[in-house]
Amino acid sequence: MIMVRMAYFGTNGHPGHYAIPLRGQFTEAELREIEDVDAFTCCSSFFNRKEKNFIFFGFRNYSCIGFPASLDDKRGGSKTIFLVEDRMIRIEEIVDALNEFPLVKEKFEKLGELYLCKDFSVDKLKYIWK
């Protein structure tokens, strides 16, 4: 995969959602722009419903994997999002990139196990949307 910037938006051990850079340099303004994903109207109905599942979507110049829940924040509207800077990337490439960050991958896998199935693995996402 080409070296592109990547970020995580979600909780970090306690309630409250933040943009956390994972690869590459981000200015404070760019991190605030990523935090705008919290109010992204295209996906707001998805992130606020009771049914839980993964979503792939584009936000600004990022391809994203999102889940409408958080391990550290049980309030409605909580979300966990992995962002890869490239709007033309395939789902398989996003999942491969996610595998490079064990702490973020673990969050997604724990959410999948809690809400979807006990043996959930992020690699299964490659086959769901083929």
N, C-alpha and C. Protein backbone atom coordinates (compact mmCIF):
# COMPACT_ATOMS: atom_id res chain seq x y z
N MET A 1 0.85 -1.18 0.00
CA MET A 1 0.00 0.00 0.00
C MET A 1 0.89 1.24 0.00
N ILE A 2 0.48 2.25 -0.73
CA ILE A 2 1.19 3.51 -0.76
C ILE A 2 1.13 4.14 0.64
N MET A 3 2.20 4.82 1.01
CA MET A 3 2.24 5.45 2.33
C MET A 3 1.28 6.65 2.36
N VAL A 4 0.13 6.45 2.90
CA VAL A 4 -0.86 7.51 3.05
C VAL A 4 -1.10 7.74 4.53
N ARG A 5 -1.65 8.88 4.84
CA ARG A 5 -1.93 9.17 6.24
C ARG A 5 -3.15 8.38 6.70
N MET A 6 -3.13 8.01 7.96
CA MET A 6 -4.23 7.26 8.55
C MET A 6 -4.52 7.80 9.95
N ALA A 7 -5.78 7.72 10.33
CA ALA A 7 -6.18 8.23 11.63
C ALA A 7 -7.29 7.36 12.20
N TYR A 8 -7.49 7.51 13.49
CA TYR A 8 -8.56 6.83 14.22
C TYR A 8 -9.42 7.91 14.86
N PHE A 9 -10.73 7.73 14.78
CA PHE A 9 -11.64 8.61 15.49
C PHE A 9 -12.48 7.75 16.42
N GLY A 10 -12.38 8.03 17.70
CA GLY A 10 -13.14 7.26 18.67
C GLY A 10 -12.65 7.57 20.07
N THR A 11 -12.93 6.64 20.96
CA THR A 11 -12.54 6.81 22.35
C THR A 11 -11.13 6.30 22.57
N ASN A 12 -10.56 6.73 23.67
CA ASN A 12 -9.21 6.31 24.01
C ASN A 12 -9.14 5.97 25.50
N GLY A 13 -9.97 4.99 25.90
CA GLY A 13 -9.95 4.55 27.28
C GLY A 13 -11.00 5.19 28.17
N HIS A 14 -11.71 6.19 27.67
CA HIS A 14 -12.75 6.87 28.45
C HIS A 14 -13.74 7.53 27.51
N PRO A 15 -14.93 7.92 27.98
CA PRO A 15 -15.91 8.56 27.11
C PRO A 15 -15.36 9.83 26.46
N GLY A 16 -15.83 10.10 25.28
CA GLY A 16 -15.39 11.25 24.50
C GLY A 16 -14.63 10.77 23.27
N HIS A 17 -14.93 11.35 22.14
CA HIS A 17 -14.35 10.91 20.87
C HIS A 17 -13.31 11.92 20.39
N TYR A 18 -12.21 11.39 19.87
CA TYR A 18 -11.09 12.23 19.44
C TYR A 18 -10.51 11.69 18.15
N ALA A 19 -9.87 12.56 17.38
CA ALA A 19 -9.09 12.16 16.21
C ALA A 19 -7.67 11.91 16.68
N ILE A 20 -7.17 10.73 16.37
CA ILE A 20 -5.82 10.34 16.79
C ILE A 20 -5.04 9.94 15.54
N PRO A 21 -3.96 10.64 15.23
CA PRO A 21 -3.16 10.26 14.06
C PRO A 21 -2.47 8.92 14.28
N LEU A 22 -2.48 8.09 13.24
CA LEU A 22 -1.83 6.79 13.32
C LEU A 22 -0.59 6.73 12.43
N ARG A 23 -0.67 7.34 11.27
CA ARG A 23 0.47 7.38 10.35
C ARG A 23 0.47 8.73 9.64
N GLY A 24 1.63 9.34 9.58
CA GLY A 24 1.76 10.63 8.90
C GLY A 24 1.56 11.79 9.86
N GLN A 25 1.88 12.95 9.36
CA GLN A 25 1.76 14.19 10.14
C GLN A 25 0.41 14.85 9.85
N PHE A 26 -0.23 15.34 10.89
CA PHE A 26 -1.49 16.07 10.79
C PHE A 26 -1.34 17.37 11.56
N THR A 27 -1.86 18.45 11.00
CA THR A 27 -1.90 19.70 11.74
C THR A 27 -3.10 19.65 12.70
N GLU A 28 -3.12 20.56 13.65
CA GLU A 28 -4.28 20.63 14.56
C GLU A 28 -5.56 20.89 13.77
N ALA A 29 -5.48 21.73 12.74
CA ALA A 29 -6.65 22.02 11.92
C ALA A 29 -7.13 20.76 11.19
N GLU A 30 -6.21 19.95 10.70
CA GLU A 30 -6.60 18.71 10.01
C GLU A 30 -7.24 17.72 10.98
N LEU A 31 -6.75 17.66 12.19
CA LEU A 31 -7.37 16.78 13.18
C LEU A 31 -8.78 17.25 13.53
N ARG A 32 -8.97 18.57 13.62
CA ARG A 32 -10.33 19.10 13.87
C ARG A 32 -11.25 18.77 12.69
N GLU A 33 -10.72 18.82 11.47
CA GLU A 33 -11.53 18.45 10.30
C GLU A 33 -11.95 16.98 10.38
N ILE A 34 -11.03 16.11 10.81
CA ILE A 34 -11.38 14.70 10.97
C ILE A 34 -12.47 14.55 12.02
N GLU A 35 -12.41 15.33 13.09
CA GLU A 35 -13.42 15.26 14.13
C GLU A 35 -14.81 15.67 13.64
N ASP A 36 -14.86 16.36 12.49
CA ASP A 36 -16.16 16.69 11.89
C ASP A 36 -16.92 15.45 11.46
N VAL A 37 -16.24 14.31 11.36
CA VAL A 37 -16.92 13.07 11.00
C VAL A 37 -18.00 12.74 12.05
N ASP A 38 -17.85 13.27 13.24
CA ASP A 38 -18.82 13.04 14.31
C ASP A 38 -20.20 13.56 13.93
N ALA A 39 -20.26 14.59 13.11
CA ALA A 39 -21.54 15.18 12.72
C ALA A 39 -21.82 15.00 11.22
N PHE A 40 -21.11 14.10 10.57
CA PHE A 40 -21.27 13.87 9.13
C PHE A 40 -22.69 13.40 8.85
N THR A 41 -23.49 14.22 8.21
CA THR A 41 -24.92 13.94 8.05
C THR A 41 -25.20 12.72 7.18
N CYS A 42 -24.31 12.41 6.25
CA CYS A 42 -24.51 11.25 5.39
C CYS A 42 -24.63 9.97 6.21
N CYS A 43 -23.90 9.89 7.29
CA CYS A 43 -23.88 8.66 8.09
C CYS A 43 -24.54 8.82 9.45
N SER A 44 -25.09 9.98 9.75
CA SER A 44 -25.61 10.20 11.11
C SER A 44 -26.74 9.23 11.45
N SER A 45 -27.62 8.92 10.50
CA SER A 45 -28.69 7.97 10.81
C SER A 45 -28.13 6.58 11.07
N PHE A 46 -27.09 6.20 10.37
CA PHE A 46 -26.45 4.90 10.61
C PHE A 46 -25.85 4.85 12.00
N PHE A 47 -25.12 5.88 12.38
CA PHE A 47 -24.42 5.86 13.66
C PHE A 47 -25.35 6.07 14.85
N ASN A 48 -26.58 6.45 14.62
CA ASN A 48 -27.51 6.68 15.73
C ASN A 48 -28.59 5.61 15.85
N ARG A 49 -28.51 4.54 15.07
CA ARG A 49 -29.54 3.51 15.18
C ARG A 49 -29.11 2.42 16.16
N LYS A 50 -30.09 1.66 16.62
CA LYS A 50 -29.81 0.62 17.61
C LYS A 50 -29.15 -0.60 16.98
N GLU A 51 -29.49 -0.89 15.73
CA GLU A 51 -28.88 -2.03 15.03
C GLU A 51 -27.40 -1.73 14.80
N LYS A 52 -26.54 -2.70 15.06
CA LYS A 52 -25.10 -2.50 14.96
C LYS A 52 -24.52 -3.31 13.80
N ASN A 53 -23.71 -2.67 12.99
CA ASN A 53 -22.98 -3.33 11.92
C ASN A 53 -21.90 -2.38 11.43
N PHE A 54 -21.01 -2.87 10.60
CA PHE A 54 -19.95 -2.03 10.05
C PHE A 54 -20.45 -1.26 8.84
N ILE A 55 -19.82 -0.13 8.58
CA ILE A 55 -20.14 0.67 7.41
C ILE A 55 -18.81 1.12 6.78
N PHE A 56 -18.78 1.08 5.45
CA PHE A 56 -17.67 1.66 4.70
C PHE A 56 -18.21 2.92 4.05
N PHE A 57 -17.48 4.01 4.16
CA PHE A 57 -17.97 5.26 3.59
C PHE A 57 -16.82 6.19 3.29
N GLY A 58 -17.10 7.19 2.48
CA GLY A 58 -16.13 8.22 2.18
C GLY A 58 -16.43 9.48 2.97
N PHE A 59 -15.40 10.09 3.49
CA PHE A 59 -15.54 11.35 4.22
C PHE A 59 -14.40 12.25 3.79
N ARG A 60 -14.76 13.37 3.17
CA ARG A 60 -13.75 14.28 2.62
C ARG A 60 -12.80 13.49 1.73
N ASN A 61 -11.52 13.50 2.01
CA ASN A 61 -10.59 12.74 1.16
C ASN A 61 -10.15 11.44 1.82
N TYR A 62 -11.01 10.85 2.65
CA TYR A 62 -10.70 9.62 3.37
C TYR A 62 -11.69 8.51 3.00
N SER A 63 -11.18 7.30 2.98
CA SER A 63 -12.02 6.11 2.96
C SER A 63 -12.06 5.61 4.39
N CYS A 64 -13.24 5.16 4.83
CA CYS A 64 -13.42 4.87 6.25
C CYS A 64 -14.14 3.54 6.49
N ILE A 65 -13.81 2.94 7.62
CA ILE A 65 -14.57 1.84 8.20
C ILE A 65 -15.11 2.39 9.51
N GLY A 66 -16.40 2.23 9.73
CA GLY A 66 -16.98 2.72 10.97
C GLY A 66 -17.87 1.69 11.64
N PHE A 67 -18.03 1.84 12.93
CA PHE A 67 -18.94 1.00 13.71
C PHE A 67 -19.69 1.91 14.67
N PRO A 68 -21.02 1.75 14.77
CA PRO A 68 -21.83 2.67 15.58
C PRO A 68 -21.87 2.36 17.07
N ALA A 69 -20.70 2.17 17.65
CA ALA A 69 -20.59 1.92 19.09
C ALA A 69 -19.14 2.15 19.49
N SER A 70 -18.92 2.19 20.78
CA SER A 70 -17.59 2.38 21.33
C SER A 70 -17.42 1.47 22.54
N LEU A 71 -16.21 1.00 22.74
CA LEU A 71 -15.95 0.16 23.92
C LEU A 71 -15.95 0.97 25.20
N ASP A 72 -15.63 2.26 25.11
CA ASP A 72 -15.45 3.10 26.30
C ASP A 72 -16.57 4.10 26.54
N ASP A 73 -17.55 4.14 25.67
CA ASP A 73 -18.58 5.16 25.77
C ASP A 73 -19.91 4.54 25.36
N LYS A 74 -20.80 4.34 26.29
CA LYS A 74 -22.07 3.66 26.02
C LYS A 74 -23.20 4.61 25.63
N ARG A 75 -22.89 5.89 25.48
CA ARG A 75 -23.92 6.85 25.11
C ARG A 75 -24.35 6.63 23.66
N GLY A 76 -25.58 6.99 23.35
CA GLY A 76 -26.06 6.92 21.97
C GLY A 76 -25.22 7.82 21.07
N GLY A 77 -25.03 7.40 19.83
CA GLY A 77 -24.25 8.18 18.89
C GLY A 77 -22.76 7.91 18.96
N SER A 78 -22.34 7.01 19.85
CA SER A 78 -20.92 6.68 19.92
C SER A 78 -20.49 5.98 18.64
N LYS A 79 -19.22 6.14 18.28
CA LYS A 79 -18.73 5.56 17.05
C LYS A 79 -17.25 5.28 17.14
N THR A 80 -16.81 4.34 16.32
CA THR A 80 -15.41 3.98 16.18
C THR A 80 -15.12 4.00 14.69
N ILE A 81 -14.14 4.82 14.26
CA ILE A 81 -13.89 5.00 12.83
C ILE A 81 -12.38 4.94 12.55
N PHE A 82 -12.03 4.22 11.49
CA PHE A 82 -10.66 4.16 10.98
C PHE A 82 -10.66 4.86 9.62
N LEU A 83 -9.76 5.82 9.44
CA LEU A 83 -9.73 6.64 8.22
C LEU A 83 -8.41 6.46 7.48
N VAL A 84 -8.49 6.25 6.17
CA VAL A 84 -7.33 6.13 5.31
C VAL A 84 -7.44 7.23 4.25
N GLU A 85 -6.41 8.04 4.13
CA GLU A 85 -6.44 9.17 3.20
C GLU A 85 -6.31 8.68 1.76
N ASP A 86 -7.45 8.49 1.10
CA ASP A 86 -7.52 8.08 -0.30
C ASP A 86 -8.96 7.67 -0.56
N ARG A 87 -9.66 8.43 -1.37
CA ARG A 87 -11.08 8.13 -1.62
C ARG A 87 -11.28 7.00 -2.63
N MET A 88 -10.21 6.56 -3.31
CA MET A 88 -10.36 5.56 -4.35
C MET A 88 -9.80 4.19 -3.94
N ILE A 89 -9.68 3.93 -2.71
CA ILE A 89 -9.09 2.70 -2.19
C ILE A 89 -10.15 1.60 -2.07
N ARG A 90 -9.77 0.38 -2.29
CA ARG A 90 -10.69 -0.76 -2.18
C ARG A 90 -10.87 -1.16 -0.72
N ILE A 91 -11.98 -1.80 -0.42
CA ILE A 91 -12.28 -2.23 0.94
C ILE A 91 -11.18 -3.14 1.48
N GLU A 92 -10.69 -4.04 0.64
CA GLU A 92 -9.63 -4.95 1.07
C GLU A 92 -8.40 -4.18 1.54
N GLU A 93 -8.09 -3.08 0.86
CA GLU A 93 -6.92 -2.29 1.23
C GLU A 93 -7.13 -1.56 2.56
N ILE A 94 -8.35 -1.13 2.82
CA ILE A 94 -8.65 -0.49 4.11
C ILE A 94 -8.46 -1.50 5.24
N VAL A 95 -8.97 -2.71 5.04
CA VAL A 95 -8.84 -3.75 6.07
C VAL A 95 -7.38 -4.12 6.27
N ASP A 96 -6.61 -4.23 5.18
CA ASP A 96 -5.18 -4.52 5.30
C ASP A 96 -4.48 -3.42 6.09
N ALA A 97 -4.85 -2.17 5.83
CA ALA A 97 -4.26 -1.05 6.57
C ALA A 97 -4.64 -1.12 8.04
N LEU A 98 -5.88 -1.45 8.33
CA LEU A 98 -6.33 -1.58 9.72
C LEU A 98 -5.50 -2.63 10.47
N ASN A 99 -5.14 -3.69 9.79
CA ASN A 99 -4.34 -4.75 10.40
C ASN A 99 -2.96 -4.26 10.83
N GLU A 100 -2.50 -3.13 10.33
CA GLU A 100 -1.20 -2.58 10.69
C GLU A 100 -1.21 -1.91 12.08
N PHE A 101 -2.39 -1.69 12.64
CA PHE A 101 -2.52 -0.97 13.91
C PHE A 101 -3.25 -1.86 14.92
N PRO A 102 -2.51 -2.71 15.63
CA PRO A 102 -3.12 -3.71 16.52
C PRO A 102 -4.10 -3.14 17.55
N LEU A 103 -3.83 -1.98 18.13
CA LEU A 103 -4.74 -1.45 19.14
C LEU A 103 -6.08 -1.05 18.55
N VAL A 104 -6.06 -0.47 17.36
CA VAL A 104 -7.31 -0.08 16.69
C VAL A 104 -8.02 -1.33 16.17
N LYS A 105 -7.27 -2.23 15.58
CA LYS A 105 -7.85 -3.49 15.10
C LYS A 105 -8.56 -4.21 16.25
N GLU A 106 -7.92 -4.24 17.41
CA GLU A 106 -8.51 -4.91 18.58
C GLU A 106 -9.84 -4.26 18.97
N LYS A 107 -9.92 -2.94 18.90
CA LYS A 107 -11.19 -2.26 19.21
C LYS A 107 -12.30 -2.74 18.27
N PHE A 108 -11.99 -2.77 16.96
CA PHE A 108 -12.99 -3.21 15.99
C PHE A 108 -13.37 -4.68 16.21
N GLU A 109 -12.39 -5.52 16.51
CA GLU A 109 -12.71 -6.93 16.72
C GLU A 109 -13.53 -7.15 17.98
N LYS A 110 -13.23 -6.42 19.04
CA LYS A 110 -14.03 -6.54 20.27
C LYS A 110 -15.46 -6.07 20.03
N LEU A 111 -15.63 -4.99 19.27
CA LEU A 111 -16.98 -4.52 18.95
C LEU A 111 -17.72 -5.57 18.12
N GLY A 112 -17.03 -6.15 17.14
CA GLY A 112 -17.64 -7.21 16.32
C GLY A 112 -18.05 -8.41 17.16
N GLU A 113 -17.21 -8.77 18.13
CA GLU A 113 -17.54 -9.90 19.01
C GLU A 113 -18.71 -9.57 19.93
N LEU A 114 -18.77 -8.35 20.42
CA LEU A 114 -19.86 -7.95 21.32
C LEU A 114 -21.20 -7.87 20.61
N TYR A 115 -21.21 -7.35 19.39
CA TYR A 115 -22.48 -7.06 18.72
C TYR A 115 -22.83 -7.99 17.56
N LEU A 116 -21.85 -8.71 16.99
CA LEU A 116 -22.13 -9.50 15.80
C LEU A 116 -21.95 -11.00 16.01
N CYS A 117 -20.73 -11.46 16.28
CA CYS A 117 -20.50 -12.89 16.49
C CYS A 117 -19.23 -13.09 17.31
N LYS A 118 -19.18 -14.20 18.03
CA LYS A 118 -18.09 -14.44 18.98
C LYS A 118 -16.73 -14.58 18.32
N ASP A 119 -16.66 -15.10 17.12
CA ASP A 119 -15.37 -15.33 16.47
C ASP A 119 -15.08 -14.27 15.40
N PHE A 120 -15.51 -13.06 15.64
CA PHE A 120 -15.37 -12.00 14.64
C PHE A 120 -13.89 -11.64 14.43
N SER A 121 -13.55 -11.39 13.17
CA SER A 121 -12.22 -10.93 12.78
C SER A 121 -12.39 -9.84 11.73
N VAL A 122 -11.58 -8.78 11.80
CA VAL A 122 -11.71 -7.72 10.81
C VAL A 122 -11.45 -8.24 9.40
N ASP A 123 -10.67 -9.30 9.26
CA ASP A 123 -10.42 -9.85 7.93
C ASP A 123 -11.71 -10.34 7.27
N LYS A 124 -12.73 -10.69 8.04
CA LYS A 124 -14.01 -11.11 7.48
C LYS A 124 -14.68 -9.98 6.70
N LEU A 125 -14.32 -8.73 7.02
CA LEU A 125 -14.92 -7.60 6.32
C LEU A 125 -14.55 -7.59 4.84
N LYS A 126 -13.44 -8.17 4.49
CA LYS A 126 -13.01 -8.23 3.09
C LYS A 126 -14.01 -9.01 2.24
N TYR A 127 -14.69 -9.97 2.85
CA TYR A 127 -15.57 -10.86 2.10
C TYR A 127 -17.03 -10.47 2.18
N ILE A 128 -17.38 -9.66 3.13
CA ILE A 128 -18.78 -9.26 3.31
C ILE A 128 -19.24 -8.38 2.15
N TRP A 129 -18.38 -7.48 1.68
CA TRP A 129 -18.78 -6.54 0.65
C TRP A 129 -18.19 -6.83 -0.71
N LYS A 130 -17.87 -8.07 -1.02
CA LYS A 130 -17.32 -8.44 -2.34
C LYS A 130 -18.40 -8.43 -3.37
